[in-house]
Structure formats: structure tokens, C-alpha cells
Amino acid sequence: MRPKRSRSRGIATGLTALAFVTAAAAPASATASTRPVAHQGVLASICDPGSGRRAYFSYDQWSKGNAGLCADVVQRSDGGKAIQVTFRADFYYYWGAAWYSDGTCIYGCSLSGHFTLDKNGGTAHGDISESLNGNSGTATHTFNVDSGHYQLTAVVRKEGGYWRNQGNQHSSSSVVQMNTLKVDVDVP
């Protein structure tokens, strides 16, 4: 008959082994070779809305997108700075008395629009043109910047999804316009 092992001792041993494996693996994943050469570190992260995502609706309120805009201020290894902007949204359609994930994209779904970076009246743009696969969409762009205060905005239009017409036309029910997301970014 085998001696009984304490359950808590087995868990502690497992956790110790897990901690050792994690600690041993950490230096390899944190080496400079696994990071993009152009980026040394994130100096700041700012999101709109700061607490989650904002809801946007189609004209007739049969489709919606829950969207957010985030910006990371990045210090490059060559001393330069950049703002990496990311737009993310999840899309839904309304049917009966509930919202459903608009993951079908039977007739095609897309995101289009642009990011605008403004500093004292000078502007730079980054285009958005993405196809959606499922109900989530992401668009990114990187702006090279100097120190200063910037305002970053996103104007994004989602077309297609559940309420899109059979004739491959965009109905007002399938278009969600998202154009009030903005963040103020201070680059040191």
C-alpha cells in the first residue's frame, strides 16, 4: 500500500515547479531579440474611453459597434519617438428583443476611415481599410513624432454584416459610423 500524500503538499510542489519553470523561461522571452528592433519601450498608454468601450449605432439602431481607441507613446532604440494607435470594436445586430454577435459577415464586412494626428494645426493621417473576419475589428497605425502635445482622433465606418442587403448594397441598418473617439497624448 502506498503512503498517502498530503494534497496541499502536492499543490505546493506543483506551484514550486511552475514558479521555477516560469522564472527559467522569463529571461528568454524578455531578451531584446524577441522585441521589434525599432521599439525600445512604451512610455505611456492612453485610451478613449478610459474605462472600456463606447457604443455606436446604425442610423436605425439595428446594428451597433462597441469601440475604443488606444495610443501608446513609444521610445525607439534610435532615440526617436512614435505614437502607435489602435482602434478596436466588436459588432452586433438586433433581432427580436436581443443583441447578437454580428460574426456572420455573410455578404462581407469592412472597416474604412482614417486616424488623424493633430499638433498645433499641423495634421498627419493614417488610412483605415480592413476586412472583418467575425464580429471583431482592429485597425492600427504608427506615427513618428517629436516631443509635444497631440490630439489623436479616429473616424471609422463599419459596413456589412447581418443587415446588409442581398444585392451586396449597404443598407442604413448595416452601417455603423464611429467618429467621436479621441485621445490627447503628451510625448515627453
N, C-alpha and C. Protein backbone atom coordinates (compact mmCIF):
# COMPACT_ATOMS: atom_id res chain seq x y z
N MET A 1 0.84 -1.17 0.00
CA MET A 1 0.00 0.00 0.00
C MET A 1 0.89 1.24 0.00
N ARG A 2 0.52 2.21 -0.89
CA ARG A 2 1.31 3.44 -0.99
C ARG A 2 0.96 4.37 0.15
N PRO A 3 1.97 5.09 0.65
CA PRO A 3 1.66 6.06 1.69
C PRO A 3 0.83 7.21 1.10
N LYS A 4 -0.08 7.73 1.93
CA LYS A 4 -0.91 8.85 1.49
C LYS A 4 -0.08 10.11 1.41
N ARG A 5 -0.27 10.87 0.34
CA ARG A 5 0.40 12.15 0.20
C ARG A 5 -0.57 13.24 0.57
N SER A 6 -0.05 14.20 1.21
CA SER A 6 -0.87 15.35 1.56
C SER A 6 -1.23 16.10 0.29
N ARG A 7 -2.49 16.41 0.11
CA ARG A 7 -2.94 17.14 -1.08
C ARG A 7 -2.29 18.52 -1.13
N SER A 8 -2.18 19.20 -0.01
CA SER A 8 -1.61 20.55 -0.03
C SER A 8 -0.12 20.50 -0.39
N ARG A 9 0.58 19.44 0.02
CA ARG A 9 1.99 19.32 -0.33
C ARG A 9 2.16 19.13 -1.82
N GLY A 10 1.27 18.36 -2.44
CA GLY A 10 1.32 18.15 -3.89
C GLY A 10 1.07 19.43 -4.65
N ILE A 11 0.15 20.23 -4.18
CA ILE A 11 -0.13 21.52 -4.82
C ILE A 11 1.06 22.44 -4.65
N ALA A 12 1.62 22.48 -3.44
CA ALA A 12 2.78 23.35 -3.20
C ALA A 12 3.94 22.93 -4.07
N THR A 13 4.19 21.62 -4.20
CA THR A 13 5.27 21.14 -5.05
C THR A 13 5.02 21.53 -6.49
N GLY A 14 3.77 21.38 -6.95
CA GLY A 14 3.41 21.76 -8.32
C GLY A 14 3.60 23.24 -8.56
N LEU A 15 3.22 24.07 -7.57
CA LEU A 15 3.39 25.51 -7.71
C LEU A 15 4.86 25.90 -7.71
N THR A 16 5.66 25.22 -6.88
CA THR A 16 7.09 25.50 -6.86
C THR A 16 7.69 25.16 -8.22
N ALA A 17 7.31 24.02 -8.78
CA ALA A 17 7.82 23.63 -10.09
C ALA A 17 7.37 24.62 -11.15
N LEU A 18 6.12 25.07 -11.09
CA LEU A 18 5.60 26.04 -12.04
C LEU A 18 6.35 27.36 -11.92
N ALA A 19 6.62 27.79 -10.69
CA ALA A 19 7.37 29.04 -10.47
C ALA A 19 8.77 28.90 -11.04
N PHE A 20 9.40 27.75 -10.85
CA PHE A 20 10.74 27.54 -11.38
C PHE A 20 10.75 27.58 -12.90
N VAL A 21 9.77 26.90 -13.53
CA VAL A 21 9.68 26.88 -14.99
C VAL A 21 9.43 28.29 -15.51
N THR A 22 8.52 29.02 -14.87
CA THR A 22 8.21 30.39 -15.29
C THR A 22 9.43 31.28 -15.14
N ALA A 23 10.14 31.18 -14.01
CA ALA A 23 11.32 32.01 -13.77
C ALA A 23 12.42 31.65 -14.77
N ALA A 24 12.55 30.37 -15.07
CA ALA A 24 13.60 29.97 -16.01
C ALA A 24 13.27 30.43 -17.42
N ALA A 25 11.98 30.49 -17.77
CA ALA A 25 11.58 30.87 -19.13
C ALA A 25 11.55 32.38 -19.30
N ALA A 26 11.39 33.15 -18.24
CA ALA A 26 11.23 34.60 -18.35
C ALA A 26 12.39 35.30 -19.02
N PRO A 27 13.65 35.01 -18.67
CA PRO A 27 14.74 35.74 -19.32
C PRO A 27 14.76 35.55 -20.83
N ALA A 28 14.44 34.36 -21.31
CA ALA A 28 14.47 34.12 -22.75
C ALA A 28 13.42 34.95 -23.47
N SER A 29 12.21 35.09 -22.88
CA SER A 29 11.17 35.84 -23.56
C SER A 29 11.37 37.35 -23.42
N ALA A 30 12.17 37.78 -22.49
CA ALA A 30 12.38 39.21 -22.28
C ALA A 30 13.62 39.74 -22.99
N THR A 31 14.30 38.91 -23.74
CA THR A 31 15.51 39.37 -24.42
C THR A 31 15.17 40.32 -25.55
N ALA A 32 16.12 41.14 -25.91
CA ALA A 32 15.92 42.13 -26.97
C ALA A 32 15.63 41.47 -28.31
N SER A 33 16.06 40.25 -28.51
CA SER A 33 15.84 39.61 -29.81
C SER A 33 14.38 39.30 -30.07
N THR A 34 13.55 39.21 -29.05
CA THR A 34 12.14 38.92 -29.26
C THR A 34 11.31 40.19 -29.42
N ARG A 35 11.88 41.36 -29.14
CA ARG A 35 11.18 42.63 -29.31
C ARG A 35 11.51 43.19 -30.68
N PRO A 36 10.58 43.94 -31.27
CA PRO A 36 10.90 44.59 -32.54
C PRO A 36 12.11 45.52 -32.34
N VAL A 37 13.01 45.52 -33.28
CA VAL A 37 14.24 46.30 -33.17
C VAL A 37 13.94 47.79 -33.05
N ALA A 38 12.89 48.27 -33.71
CA ALA A 38 12.61 49.71 -33.75
C ALA A 38 12.04 50.23 -32.44
N HIS A 39 11.59 49.39 -31.54
CA HIS A 39 10.92 49.85 -30.33
C HIS A 39 11.68 49.43 -29.09
N GLN A 40 11.95 50.41 -28.23
CA GLN A 40 12.67 50.10 -27.00
C GLN A 40 11.72 50.00 -25.82
N GLY A 41 10.71 50.85 -25.74
CA GLY A 41 9.81 50.78 -24.61
C GLY A 41 8.61 51.70 -24.74
N VAL A 42 7.53 51.33 -24.07
CA VAL A 42 6.32 52.14 -24.06
C VAL A 42 6.42 53.14 -22.92
N LEU A 43 6.31 54.43 -23.24
CA LEU A 43 6.41 55.48 -22.24
C LEU A 43 5.06 55.79 -21.59
N ALA A 44 3.96 55.64 -22.35
CA ALA A 44 2.62 55.93 -21.82
C ALA A 44 1.57 55.24 -22.68
N SER A 45 0.44 54.91 -22.06
CA SER A 45 -0.72 54.34 -22.77
C SER A 45 -1.95 55.12 -22.36
N ILE A 46 -2.73 55.54 -23.36
CA ILE A 46 -3.94 56.34 -23.13
C ILE A 46 -5.05 55.74 -23.98
N CYS A 47 -6.27 55.63 -23.40
CA CYS A 47 -7.41 55.07 -24.15
C CYS A 47 -8.63 55.96 -24.03
N ASP A 48 -9.49 55.90 -25.04
CA ASP A 48 -10.80 56.55 -25.03
C ASP A 48 -11.84 55.52 -25.44
N PRO A 49 -12.85 55.26 -24.63
CA PRO A 49 -12.97 55.76 -23.27
C PRO A 49 -12.02 55.01 -22.36
N GLY A 50 -11.59 55.66 -21.31
CA GLY A 50 -10.62 55.08 -20.40
C GLY A 50 -11.13 53.86 -19.67
N SER A 51 -12.43 53.73 -19.51
CA SER A 51 -12.99 52.64 -18.71
C SER A 51 -13.57 51.50 -19.54
N GLY A 52 -13.39 51.51 -20.84
CA GLY A 52 -13.95 50.43 -21.66
C GLY A 52 -14.20 50.86 -23.08
N ARG A 53 -15.37 50.56 -23.59
CA ARG A 53 -15.71 50.89 -24.96
C ARG A 53 -16.98 51.72 -25.02
N ARG A 54 -17.10 52.48 -26.07
CA ARG A 54 -18.25 53.35 -26.29
C ARG A 54 -19.15 52.70 -27.35
N ALA A 55 -20.47 52.78 -27.16
CA ALA A 55 -21.42 52.18 -28.10
C ALA A 55 -21.80 53.18 -29.19
N TYR A 56 -21.77 52.70 -30.45
CA TYR A 56 -22.21 53.46 -31.62
C TYR A 56 -23.26 52.64 -32.35
N PHE A 57 -24.27 53.31 -32.89
CA PHE A 57 -25.39 52.61 -33.51
C PHE A 57 -25.56 53.02 -34.97
N SER A 58 -26.16 52.11 -35.76
CA SER A 58 -26.55 52.46 -37.12
C SER A 58 -27.68 53.49 -37.05
N TYR A 59 -27.96 54.12 -38.16
CA TYR A 59 -28.97 55.17 -38.21
C TYR A 59 -30.31 54.71 -37.63
N ASP A 60 -30.72 53.48 -37.95
CA ASP A 60 -32.00 52.96 -37.47
C ASP A 60 -31.87 52.11 -36.20
N GLN A 61 -30.66 52.02 -35.64
CA GLN A 61 -30.37 51.34 -34.38
C GLN A 61 -30.54 49.81 -34.46
N TRP A 62 -30.40 49.22 -35.66
CA TRP A 62 -30.47 47.77 -35.80
C TRP A 62 -29.09 47.11 -35.73
N SER A 63 -28.04 47.91 -35.82
CA SER A 63 -26.66 47.41 -35.67
C SER A 63 -25.92 48.33 -34.72
N LYS A 64 -24.91 47.77 -34.05
CA LYS A 64 -24.11 48.62 -33.18
C LYS A 64 -22.67 48.11 -33.13
N GLY A 65 -21.80 49.03 -32.74
CA GLY A 65 -20.39 48.69 -32.53
C GLY A 65 -19.96 49.23 -31.18
N ASN A 66 -19.29 48.42 -30.40
CA ASN A 66 -18.70 48.85 -29.14
C ASN A 66 -17.21 49.07 -29.42
N ALA A 67 -16.79 50.34 -29.42
CA ALA A 67 -15.45 50.68 -29.92
C ALA A 67 -14.62 51.43 -28.89
N GLY A 68 -13.31 51.30 -29.05
CA GLY A 68 -12.36 52.02 -28.21
C GLY A 68 -11.12 52.39 -29.02
N LEU A 69 -10.43 53.44 -28.60
CA LEU A 69 -9.23 53.92 -29.26
C LEU A 69 -8.12 54.02 -28.22
N CYS A 70 -6.97 53.43 -28.49
CA CYS A 70 -5.84 53.50 -27.57
C CYS A 70 -4.59 53.97 -28.30
N ALA A 71 -3.75 54.69 -27.56
CA ALA A 71 -2.48 55.17 -28.11
C ALA A 71 -1.37 54.84 -27.13
N ASP A 72 -0.28 54.32 -27.67
CA ASP A 72 0.93 54.06 -26.89
C ASP A 72 2.02 55.00 -27.38
N VAL A 73 2.65 55.72 -26.45
CA VAL A 73 3.81 56.54 -26.77
C VAL A 73 5.03 55.63 -26.64
N VAL A 74 5.81 55.51 -27.71
CA VAL A 74 6.90 54.55 -27.77
C VAL A 74 8.23 55.28 -27.95
N GLN A 75 9.21 54.88 -27.17
CA GLN A 75 10.59 55.37 -27.31
C GLN A 75 11.32 54.36 -28.19
N ARG A 76 11.83 54.79 -29.32
CA ARG A 76 12.56 53.90 -30.23
C ARG A 76 14.01 53.76 -29.76
N SER A 77 14.64 52.68 -30.16
CA SER A 77 16.02 52.44 -29.76
C SER A 77 16.98 53.48 -30.33
N ASP A 78 16.60 54.14 -31.43
CA ASP A 78 17.46 55.18 -32.01
C ASP A 78 17.23 56.55 -31.38
N GLY A 79 16.38 56.63 -30.34
CA GLY A 79 16.11 57.88 -29.65
C GLY A 79 14.85 58.58 -30.13
N GLY A 80 14.34 58.19 -31.30
CA GLY A 80 13.10 58.78 -31.82
C GLY A 80 11.89 58.30 -31.04
N LYS A 81 10.78 58.98 -31.27
CA LYS A 81 9.54 58.62 -30.58
C LYS A 81 8.43 58.39 -31.60
N ALA A 82 7.45 57.62 -31.19
CA ALA A 82 6.32 57.30 -32.07
C ALA A 82 5.07 57.17 -31.23
N ILE A 83 3.92 57.34 -31.88
CA ILE A 83 2.62 57.06 -31.28
C ILE A 83 2.02 55.91 -32.07
N GLN A 84 1.78 54.80 -31.38
CA GLN A 84 1.11 53.65 -32.00
C GLN A 84 -0.35 53.72 -31.61
N VAL A 85 -1.23 53.81 -32.59
CA VAL A 85 -2.66 53.93 -32.32
C VAL A 85 -3.36 52.63 -32.71
N THR A 86 -4.33 52.24 -31.89
CA THR A 86 -5.10 51.02 -32.14
C THR A 86 -6.57 51.29 -31.93
N PHE A 87 -7.38 51.00 -32.94
CA PHE A 87 -8.84 51.06 -32.86
C PHE A 87 -9.33 49.62 -32.78
N ARG A 88 -10.22 49.35 -31.81
CA ARG A 88 -10.81 48.01 -31.67
C ARG A 88 -12.31 48.15 -31.48
N ALA A 89 -13.06 47.23 -32.10
CA ALA A 89 -14.51 47.25 -31.95
C ALA A 89 -15.09 45.85 -32.10
N ASP A 90 -16.20 45.63 -31.43
CA ASP A 90 -17.00 44.41 -31.57
C ASP A 90 -18.36 44.85 -32.10
N PHE A 91 -18.92 44.06 -33.04
CA PHE A 91 -20.15 44.47 -33.71
C PHE A 91 -21.29 43.49 -33.45
N TYR A 92 -22.51 44.06 -33.41
CA TYR A 92 -23.71 43.30 -33.05
C TYR A 92 -24.88 43.74 -33.92
N TYR A 93 -25.88 42.85 -34.07
CA TYR A 93 -27.13 43.22 -34.73
C TYR A 93 -28.29 42.91 -33.79
N TYR A 94 -29.38 43.63 -33.97
CA TYR A 94 -30.55 43.49 -33.10
C TYR A 94 -31.60 42.68 -33.83
N TRP A 95 -32.16 41.69 -33.14
CA TRP A 95 -33.21 40.87 -33.72
C TRP A 95 -34.12 40.42 -32.59
N GLY A 96 -35.40 40.61 -32.76
CA GLY A 96 -36.35 40.26 -31.71
C GLY A 96 -36.18 41.20 -30.54
N ALA A 97 -35.75 40.69 -29.43
CA ALA A 97 -35.57 41.51 -28.23
C ALA A 97 -34.16 41.41 -27.68
N ALA A 98 -33.17 41.10 -28.56
CA ALA A 98 -31.81 40.91 -28.05
C ALA A 98 -30.77 41.30 -29.09
N TRP A 99 -29.55 41.57 -28.61
CA TRP A 99 -28.40 41.84 -29.47
C TRP A 99 -27.64 40.54 -29.67
N TYR A 100 -27.20 40.29 -30.91
CA TYR A 100 -26.44 39.10 -31.25
C TYR A 100 -25.11 39.49 -31.90
N SER A 101 -24.10 38.70 -31.68
CA SER A 101 -22.79 38.95 -32.27
C SER A 101 -22.91 38.93 -33.79
N ASP A 102 -22.43 39.97 -34.45
CA ASP A 102 -22.51 40.07 -35.91
C ASP A 102 -21.31 39.40 -36.53
N GLY A 103 -21.14 38.13 -36.24
CA GLY A 103 -19.98 37.40 -36.70
C GLY A 103 -20.16 36.70 -38.03
N THR A 104 -21.32 36.79 -38.62
CA THR A 104 -21.57 36.06 -39.86
C THR A 104 -20.88 36.71 -41.05
N CYS A 105 -21.01 38.01 -41.20
CA CYS A 105 -20.43 38.72 -42.35
C CYS A 105 -20.69 37.96 -43.64
N ILE A 106 -21.90 37.45 -43.79
CA ILE A 106 -22.28 36.64 -44.94
C ILE A 106 -21.99 37.36 -46.25
N TYR A 107 -22.31 38.63 -46.31
CA TYR A 107 -22.14 39.38 -47.55
C TYR A 107 -20.92 40.30 -47.49
N GLY A 108 -20.05 40.08 -46.53
CA GLY A 108 -18.85 40.89 -46.41
C GLY A 108 -18.99 42.01 -45.40
N CYS A 109 -17.94 42.27 -44.67
CA CYS A 109 -17.90 43.35 -43.70
C CYS A 109 -16.56 44.06 -43.85
N SER A 110 -16.55 45.35 -43.60
CA SER A 110 -15.30 46.09 -43.71
C SER A 110 -15.28 47.29 -42.78
N LEU A 111 -14.07 47.72 -42.47
CA LEU A 111 -13.84 48.97 -41.74
C LEU A 111 -13.11 49.91 -42.69
N SER A 112 -13.53 51.16 -42.72
CA SER A 112 -12.83 52.16 -43.52
C SER A 112 -12.81 53.46 -42.73
N GLY A 113 -11.89 54.34 -43.07
CA GLY A 113 -11.79 55.62 -42.40
C GLY A 113 -10.36 56.05 -42.26
N HIS A 114 -10.07 56.80 -41.21
CA HIS A 114 -8.71 57.29 -41.00
C HIS A 114 -8.46 57.71 -39.56
N PHE A 115 -7.18 57.71 -39.21
CA PHE A 115 -6.71 58.30 -37.96
C PHE A 115 -6.16 59.67 -38.31
N THR A 116 -6.35 60.64 -37.41
CA THR A 116 -5.77 61.96 -37.61
C THR A 116 -4.98 62.33 -36.36
N LEU A 117 -3.75 62.76 -36.57
CA LEU A 117 -2.89 63.22 -35.50
C LEU A 117 -2.69 64.72 -35.71
N ASP A 118 -3.06 65.51 -34.71
CA ASP A 118 -3.03 66.97 -34.83
C ASP A 118 -2.12 67.55 -33.76
N LYS A 119 -1.22 68.47 -34.20
CA LYS A 119 -0.36 69.20 -33.27
C LYS A 119 -0.31 70.65 -33.75
N ASN A 120 -0.95 71.54 -33.00
CA ASN A 120 -0.94 72.97 -33.32
C ASN A 120 -1.33 73.25 -34.77
N GLY A 121 -2.39 72.62 -35.24
CA GLY A 121 -2.87 72.87 -36.60
C GLY A 121 -2.20 72.03 -37.66
N GLY A 122 -1.06 71.43 -37.40
CA GLY A 122 -0.42 70.52 -38.34
C GLY A 122 -1.00 69.14 -38.16
N THR A 123 -1.36 68.49 -39.26
CA THR A 123 -2.01 67.19 -39.15
C THR A 123 -1.29 66.13 -39.97
N ALA A 124 -1.45 64.90 -39.53
CA ALA A 124 -0.99 63.72 -40.26
C ALA A 124 -2.13 62.73 -40.25
N HIS A 125 -2.24 61.94 -41.32
CA HIS A 125 -3.33 60.98 -41.45
C HIS A 125 -2.79 59.57 -41.65
N GLY A 126 -3.56 58.62 -41.18
CA GLY A 126 -3.29 57.21 -41.41
C GLY A 126 -4.57 56.55 -41.84
N ASP A 127 -4.58 55.92 -43.01
CA ASP A 127 -5.81 55.33 -43.55
C ASP A 127 -6.17 54.02 -42.86
N ILE A 128 -7.48 53.75 -42.84
CA ILE A 128 -8.02 52.50 -42.30
C ILE A 128 -8.77 51.81 -43.42
N SER A 129 -8.40 50.60 -43.73
CA SER A 129 -9.08 49.79 -44.73
C SER A 129 -8.86 48.33 -44.35
N GLU A 130 -9.82 47.76 -43.64
CA GLU A 130 -9.70 46.40 -43.12
C GLU A 130 -10.94 45.59 -43.43
N SER A 131 -10.76 44.31 -43.75
CA SER A 131 -11.88 43.38 -43.86
C SER A 131 -12.06 42.72 -42.51
N LEU A 132 -13.31 42.46 -42.16
CA LEU A 132 -13.59 41.82 -40.87
C LEU A 132 -13.77 40.32 -41.07
N ASN A 133 -13.28 39.58 -40.12
CA ASN A 133 -13.48 38.14 -40.08
C ASN A 133 -14.08 37.86 -38.71
N GLY A 134 -15.38 37.69 -38.66
CA GLY A 134 -16.06 37.56 -37.38
C GLY A 134 -16.63 38.89 -36.97
N ASN A 135 -16.94 39.04 -35.68
CA ASN A 135 -17.60 40.26 -35.25
C ASN A 135 -16.64 41.31 -34.71
N SER A 136 -15.34 41.05 -34.70
CA SER A 136 -14.38 42.00 -34.14
C SER A 136 -13.53 42.62 -35.24
N GLY A 137 -13.20 43.89 -35.04
CA GLY A 137 -12.34 44.58 -35.99
C GLY A 137 -11.26 45.36 -35.28
N THR A 138 -10.07 45.38 -35.87
CA THR A 138 -8.94 46.12 -35.33
C THR A 138 -8.24 46.84 -36.47
N ALA A 139 -7.84 48.07 -36.20
CA ALA A 139 -7.04 48.83 -37.16
C ALA A 139 -5.93 49.52 -36.38
N THR A 140 -4.72 49.56 -36.94
CA THR A 140 -3.58 50.16 -36.26
C THR A 140 -2.80 51.07 -37.21
N HIS A 141 -2.06 51.99 -36.63
CA HIS A 141 -1.17 52.87 -37.40
C HIS A 141 -0.10 53.42 -36.45
N THR A 142 1.08 53.69 -36.98
CA THR A 142 2.16 54.28 -36.19
C THR A 142 2.56 55.61 -36.80
N PHE A 143 2.60 56.66 -35.95
CA PHE A 143 3.03 57.99 -36.35
C PHE A 143 4.38 58.27 -35.70
N ASN A 144 5.37 58.73 -36.48
CA ASN A 144 6.63 59.20 -35.92
C ASN A 144 6.40 60.62 -35.43
N VAL A 145 6.83 60.91 -34.19
CA VAL A 145 6.54 62.21 -33.58
C VAL A 145 7.76 62.75 -32.85
N ASP A 146 7.68 64.05 -32.53
CA ASP A 146 8.64 64.72 -31.65
C ASP A 146 7.95 64.95 -30.32
N SER A 147 8.65 65.49 -29.36
CA SER A 147 8.03 65.83 -28.07
C SER A 147 6.95 66.89 -28.29
N GLY A 148 5.91 66.84 -27.47
CA GLY A 148 4.85 67.83 -27.56
C GLY A 148 3.49 67.24 -27.23
N HIS A 149 2.46 68.06 -27.39
CA HIS A 149 1.07 67.68 -27.11
C HIS A 149 0.36 67.40 -28.44
N TYR A 150 -0.30 66.26 -28.52
CA TYR A 150 -1.00 65.85 -29.74
C TYR A 150 -2.44 65.47 -29.41
N GLN A 151 -3.32 65.64 -30.41
CA GLN A 151 -4.67 65.11 -30.30
C GLN A 151 -4.85 64.09 -31.41
N LEU A 152 -5.28 62.90 -31.02
CA LEU A 152 -5.44 61.79 -31.94
C LEU A 152 -6.93 61.46 -32.04
N THR A 153 -7.46 61.40 -33.25
CA THR A 153 -8.87 61.05 -33.46
C THR A 153 -8.97 59.90 -34.46
N ALA A 154 -10.10 59.19 -34.39
CA ALA A 154 -10.39 58.12 -35.33
C ALA A 154 -11.78 58.34 -35.90
N VAL A 155 -11.88 58.24 -37.21
CA VAL A 155 -13.17 58.28 -37.91
C VAL A 155 -13.26 56.94 -38.64
N VAL A 156 -14.18 56.08 -38.18
CA VAL A 156 -14.26 54.72 -38.70
C VAL A 156 -15.70 54.40 -39.07
N ARG A 157 -15.84 53.71 -40.20
CA ARG A 157 -17.16 53.30 -40.70
C ARG A 157 -17.13 51.79 -40.90
N LYS A 158 -18.08 51.11 -40.26
CA LYS A 158 -18.24 49.66 -40.46
C LYS A 158 -19.40 49.47 -41.42
N GLU A 159 -19.17 48.68 -42.46
CA GLU A 159 -20.21 48.37 -43.44
C GLU A 159 -20.35 46.87 -43.54
N GLY A 160 -21.58 46.42 -43.73
CA GLY A 160 -21.84 44.99 -43.91
C GLY A 160 -22.31 44.34 -42.64
N GLY A 161 -22.45 43.03 -42.72
CA GLY A 161 -22.93 42.26 -41.58
C GLY A 161 -24.33 41.75 -41.80
N TYR A 162 -24.99 41.43 -40.73
CA TYR A 162 -26.29 40.76 -40.78
C TYR A 162 -27.33 41.51 -41.60
N TRP A 163 -27.42 42.82 -41.44
CA TRP A 163 -28.47 43.59 -42.08
C TRP A 163 -28.10 44.09 -43.48
N ARG A 164 -27.01 43.66 -44.03
CA ARG A 164 -26.64 44.08 -45.38
C ARG A 164 -27.62 43.48 -46.38
N ASN A 165 -27.97 44.24 -47.40
CA ASN A 165 -28.93 43.76 -48.42
C ASN A 165 -28.33 42.61 -49.23
N GLN A 166 -29.20 41.75 -49.74
CA GLN A 166 -28.78 40.61 -50.56
C GLN A 166 -28.03 41.05 -51.81
N GLY A 167 -28.36 42.21 -52.35
CA GLY A 167 -27.74 42.69 -53.58
C GLY A 167 -26.37 43.29 -53.36
N ASN A 168 -25.74 43.00 -52.23
CA ASN A 168 -24.42 43.47 -51.91
C ASN A 168 -24.37 45.00 -51.75
N GLN A 169 -25.48 45.58 -51.39
CA GLN A 169 -25.55 47.01 -51.14
C GLN A 169 -25.53 47.26 -49.64
N HIS A 170 -25.05 48.43 -49.25
CA HIS A 170 -25.03 48.78 -47.84
C HIS A 170 -26.35 49.43 -47.47
N SER A 171 -27.11 48.78 -46.60
CA SER A 171 -28.34 49.40 -46.11
C SER A 171 -27.99 50.25 -44.90
N SER A 172 -28.87 51.16 -44.55
CA SER A 172 -28.62 52.01 -43.38
C SER A 172 -28.52 51.18 -42.12
N SER A 173 -29.11 50.00 -42.11
CA SER A 173 -29.05 49.13 -40.94
C SER A 173 -27.69 48.48 -40.76
N SER A 174 -26.89 48.38 -41.83
CA SER A 174 -25.61 47.68 -41.74
C SER A 174 -24.43 48.62 -41.58
N VAL A 175 -24.66 49.94 -41.56
CA VAL A 175 -23.57 50.91 -41.47
C VAL A 175 -23.53 51.49 -40.06
N VAL A 176 -22.37 51.39 -39.43
CA VAL A 176 -22.17 51.98 -38.11
C VAL A 176 -21.02 52.98 -38.24
N GLN A 177 -21.33 54.25 -37.97
CA GLN A 177 -20.34 55.33 -38.05
C GLN A 177 -19.80 55.61 -36.66
N MET A 178 -18.47 55.52 -36.50
CA MET A 178 -17.83 55.75 -35.20
C MET A 178 -16.82 56.88 -35.38
N ASN A 179 -17.18 58.10 -34.93
CA ASN A 179 -16.30 59.22 -35.23
C ASN A 179 -16.13 60.22 -34.08
N THR A 180 -16.32 59.79 -32.86
CA THR A 180 -16.09 60.70 -31.73
C THR A 180 -15.01 60.20 -30.79
N LEU A 181 -14.25 59.20 -31.20
CA LEU A 181 -13.16 58.69 -30.36
C LEU A 181 -11.94 59.59 -30.52
N LYS A 182 -11.39 60.05 -29.39
CA LYS A 182 -10.17 60.86 -29.46
C LYS A 182 -9.42 60.77 -28.14
N VAL A 183 -8.12 60.94 -28.23
CA VAL A 183 -7.27 60.97 -27.05
C VAL A 183 -6.27 62.11 -27.20
N ASP A 184 -5.96 62.74 -26.07
CA ASP A 184 -4.89 63.72 -26.00
C ASP A 184 -3.65 63.00 -25.52
N VAL A 185 -2.55 63.21 -26.24
CA VAL A 185 -1.32 62.49 -25.96
C VAL A 185 -0.20 63.50 -25.72
N ASP A 186 0.49 63.35 -24.61
CA ASP A 186 1.67 64.16 -24.32
C ASP A 186 2.91 63.30 -24.50
N VAL A 187 3.77 63.70 -25.43
CA VAL A 187 5.00 62.98 -25.70
C VAL A 187 6.14 63.72 -25.01
N PRO A 188 6.84 63.07 -24.07
CA PRO A 188 7.92 63.75 -23.34
C PRO A 188 9.11 64.08 -24.23
